[in-house]
Amino acid sequence: MRIFLAGASGVIGRRLTPMLVEAGHLVAGTTRSATRAELVRGLGAEPVVIDVYDAAGLRAAVVDFAPDLVMHQLTDLPDDAAAVAARAGANRRIREEGTANLVAAARAAGAERFLAQSIAWTPAAGNESREALESQVLAYDGIGVVLRYGQFYGPGTYYEATPPDPPRIEIGAAAHRTLAALDAPSGVVEIVE
């Protein structure tokens, strides 16, 4: 398949991108930072430097790539877990506005499938942004799949040494399970231990 992966340089994207390429898929991977373009290329994907809030630019990039599947693995989380609550608004925006822009771009490109990262727990700030993301994905014209991940743990996550309370999933296992979900039917897929 041709896969447009939004968030290829993120925590799960860095693990998932090479798996997708190794499985024979042609991947375009996004990053907001020009300095991370080489990282995405090194993972085996064609780098696309774009901000998800640039709706026109995102649409042009997705239409140009002509993907079979668009995958949303974007979050806007800080590197320090202690700052998550302070950045809740930024992550809410990516779930709501960022998802809307990706869905619109995928529709414009005629992508058959749309998969998006969600969470398998109720966030402290409330469920509204999760519900906004999931409802947009499940209403996708083709096949819309919500990937509800448990809290990631392992290298590069907030929980490198000690796993968090459930629901949780080791980051490498999450990437493998995501690969297995590429042809899931429309609906919600729980990716937890």
Protein backbone atom coordinates (compact mmCIF):
# COMPACT_ATOMS: atom_id res chain seq x y z
CA MET A 1 0.00 0.00 0.00
CA ARG A 2 0.88 3.65 -0.26
CA ILE A 3 0.73 4.97 3.31
CA PHE A 4 0.80 8.62 4.36
CA LEU A 5 1.98 8.52 7.99
CA ALA A 6 1.43 11.73 9.93
CA GLY A 7 3.84 11.65 12.84
CA ALA A 8 6.61 9.47 11.44
CA SER A 9 9.24 11.09 13.68
CA GLY A 10 7.22 10.60 16.89
CA VAL A 11 7.64 7.97 19.59
CA ILE A 12 5.60 5.30 17.82
CA GLY A 13 6.29 6.59 14.31
CA ARG A 14 10.03 5.97 14.68
CA ARG A 15 9.32 2.29 15.38
CA LEU A 16 6.40 1.84 13.00
CA THR A 17 7.88 3.45 9.87
CA PRO A 18 10.65 0.87 9.30
CA MET A 19 8.17 -1.95 9.95
CA LEU A 20 5.82 -0.58 7.29
CA VAL A 21 8.69 -0.24 4.80
CA GLU A 22 9.98 -3.73 5.59
CA ALA A 23 6.47 -5.10 4.98
CA GLY A 24 6.65 -3.67 1.45
CA HIS A 25 4.61 -0.48 1.85
CA LEU A 26 5.62 2.83 0.27
CA VAL A 27 5.54 5.39 3.08
CA ALA A 28 5.48 9.18 3.12
CA GLY A 29 6.18 10.30 6.68
CA THR A 30 5.50 13.73 8.12
CA THR A 31 7.45 15.81 10.54
CA ARG A 32 6.98 19.46 11.51
CA SER A 33 10.71 20.04 11.66
CA ALA A 34 13.03 20.28 8.67
CA THR A 35 15.81 19.04 10.96
CA ARG A 36 13.93 15.73 11.41
CA ALA A 37 13.47 15.12 7.68
CA GLU A 38 16.69 13.10 7.53
CA LEU A 39 15.52 11.01 10.48
CA VAL A 40 12.34 10.15 8.54
CA ARG A 41 14.39 9.36 5.42
CA GLY A 42 16.68 7.14 7.52
CA LEU A 43 13.61 5.20 8.68
CA GLY A 44 12.88 4.39 5.03
CA ALA A 45 10.09 6.89 4.33
CA GLU A 46 9.81 9.81 1.96
CA PRO A 47 9.93 12.82 4.32
CA VAL A 48 7.18 15.42 4.16
CA VAL A 49 7.86 18.55 6.23
CA ILE A 50 4.42 19.95 7.02
CA ASP A 51 2.43 21.35 9.91
CA VAL A 52 -0.96 19.65 10.34
CA TYR A 53 -2.49 23.10 10.90
CA ASP A 54 -1.51 24.18 7.39
CA ALA A 55 -4.69 22.69 5.92
CA ALA A 56 -4.01 23.73 2.31
CA GLY A 57 -0.39 22.53 2.38
CA LEU A 58 -1.37 19.27 4.06
CA ARG A 59 -4.10 18.65 1.51
CA ALA A 60 -1.67 19.27 -1.36
CA ALA A 61 0.93 16.93 0.17
CA VAL A 62 -1.56 14.10 0.73
CA VAL A 63 -3.19 14.49 -2.70
CA ASP A 64 0.25 14.55 -4.33
CA PHE A 65 1.27 11.29 -2.60
CA ALA A 66 -2.08 9.62 -3.48
CA PRO A 67 -2.14 7.20 -0.51
CA ASP A 68 -4.30 4.13 -0.09
CA LEU A 69 -4.18 4.72 3.67
CA VAL A 70 -3.65 7.81 5.83
CA MET A 71 -2.44 7.13 9.37
CA HIS A 72 -2.66 9.76 12.11
CA GLN A 73 0.00 9.17 14.79
CA LEU A 74 0.26 12.83 15.84
CA THR A 75 0.25 14.14 19.38
CA ASP A 76 1.44 17.41 20.86
CA LEU A 77 2.95 16.23 24.10
CA PRO A 78 5.96 17.68 25.93
CA ASP A 79 9.17 15.72 26.47
CA ASP A 80 8.70 16.04 30.24
CA ALA A 81 5.71 14.15 31.67
CA ALA A 82 5.37 16.78 34.42
CA ALA A 83 4.34 19.33 31.75
CA VAL A 84 1.51 17.23 30.22
CA ALA A 85 -1.29 19.00 32.13
CA ALA A 86 0.03 22.40 31.10
CA ARG A 87 0.06 21.34 27.43
CA ALA A 88 -3.38 19.72 27.41
CA GLY A 89 -4.76 22.46 25.16
CA ALA A 90 -2.14 21.83 22.47
CA ASN A 91 -2.84 18.10 22.46
CA ARG A 92 -6.60 18.75 22.39
CA ARG A 93 -6.10 21.00 19.35
CA ILE A 94 -4.21 18.29 17.46
CA ARG A 95 -6.97 15.76 18.25
CA GLU A 96 -9.70 18.10 17.06
CA GLU A 97 -8.34 20.48 14.40
CA GLY A 98 -5.39 18.34 13.33
CA THR A 99 -7.64 15.32 12.84
CA ALA A 100 -10.15 17.39 10.85
CA ASN A 101 -7.38 18.61 8.54
CA LEU A 102 -6.01 15.09 8.03
CA VAL A 103 -9.47 13.65 7.37
CA ALA A 104 -10.19 16.39 4.82
CA ALA A 105 -6.84 15.78 3.10
CA ALA A 106 -7.43 12.01 3.02
CA ARG A 107 -10.89 12.53 1.50
CA ALA A 108 -9.47 14.90 -1.12
CA ALA A 109 -6.87 12.28 -2.02
CA GLY A 110 -9.46 9.48 -2.20
CA ALA A 111 -7.67 7.36 0.43
CA GLU A 112 -9.59 4.15 1.09
CA ARG A 113 -8.55 3.86 4.74
CA PHE A 114 -7.91 6.22 7.66
CA LEU A 115 -6.35 5.00 10.92
CA ALA A 116 -5.81 7.25 13.93
CA GLN A 117 -4.14 7.07 17.32
CA SER A 118 -6.42 7.45 20.30
CA ILE A 119 -6.15 6.48 23.95
CA ALA A 120 -7.65 3.61 25.94
CA TRP A 121 -8.22 5.63 29.13
CA THR A 122 -10.15 8.76 30.10
CA PRO A 123 -7.74 11.69 30.32
CA ALA A 124 -7.67 13.92 33.40
CA ALA A 125 -8.80 16.87 31.27
CA GLY A 126 -11.93 14.99 30.17
CA ASN A 127 -13.00 12.92 27.23
CA GLU A 128 -14.17 15.60 24.78
CA SER A 129 -11.07 15.72 22.57
CA ARG A 130 -10.83 11.93 22.40
CA GLU A 131 -14.48 11.74 21.40
CA ALA A 132 -13.99 14.48 18.78
CA LEU A 133 -11.07 12.59 17.22
CA GLU A 134 -12.83 9.22 17.27
CA SER A 135 -16.11 10.48 15.84
CA GLN A 136 -14.29 12.09 12.88
CA VAL A 137 -12.38 8.88 12.18
CA LEU A 138 -15.41 6.60 12.48
CA ALA A 139 -17.36 8.87 10.09
CA TYR A 140 -14.64 8.58 7.43
CA ASP A 141 -16.06 7.90 3.93
CA GLY A 142 -13.93 4.79 3.42
CA ILE A 143 -12.75 2.64 6.31
CA GLY A 144 -12.08 4.54 9.54
CA VAL A 145 -10.19 2.76 12.32
CA VAL A 146 -9.52 4.15 15.79
CA LEU A 147 -6.43 2.68 17.46
CA ARG A 148 -6.94 3.00 21.23
CA TYR A 149 -3.49 2.59 22.73
CA GLY A 150 -2.71 1.95 26.35
CA GLN A 151 -0.06 4.17 27.92
CA PHE A 152 3.24 3.57 26.16
CA TYR A 153 6.22 2.33 28.09
CA GLY A 154 9.77 1.42 27.12
CA PRO A 155 12.61 3.37 25.46
CA GLY A 156 11.77 6.96 24.54
CA THR A 157 8.48 7.06 26.49
CA TYR A 158 7.51 8.65 29.79
CA TYR A 159 7.86 5.22 31.39
CA GLU A 160 11.27 3.98 30.27
CA ALA A 161 12.12 1.93 33.36
CA THR A 162 8.84 1.06 35.07
CA PRO A 163 5.55 0.30 33.29
CA PRO A 164 2.57 2.49 34.21
CA ASP A 165 -0.71 1.19 35.56
CA PRO A 166 -3.01 -0.40 32.94
CA PRO A 167 -4.16 0.18 30.34
CA ARG A 168 -0.64 0.05 28.93
CA ILE A 169 1.41 -1.34 26.05
CA GLU A 170 5.16 -1.64 25.45
CA ILE A 171 6.09 0.72 22.60
CA GLY A 172 7.57 -1.97 20.32
CA ALA A 173 4.53 -4.20 20.84
CA ALA A 174 2.28 -1.22 20.05
CA ALA A 175 4.06 -0.74 16.71
CA HIS A 176 3.74 -4.46 15.84
CA ARG A 177 0.04 -4.47 16.73
CA THR A 178 -0.49 -1.34 14.64
CA LEU A 179 1.07 -3.06 11.63
CA ALA A 180 -1.34 -5.96 12.19
CA ALA A 181 -4.30 -3.52 12.27
CA LEU A 182 -3.71 -2.07 8.79
CA ASP A 183 -6.61 -4.09 7.32
CA ALA A 184 -8.90 -3.92 10.34
CA PRO A 185 -12.56 -3.21 9.55
CA SER A 186 -14.08 0.16 10.48
CA GLY A 187 -14.35 0.54 14.23
CA VAL A 188 -12.24 0.69 17.37
CA VAL A 189 -9.17 -1.51 17.94
CA GLU A 190 -7.82 -1.70 21.50
CA ILE A 191 -4.03 -1.96 21.58
CA VAL A 192 -3.31 -2.83 25.20
CA GLU A 193 -1.68 -5.64 27.14
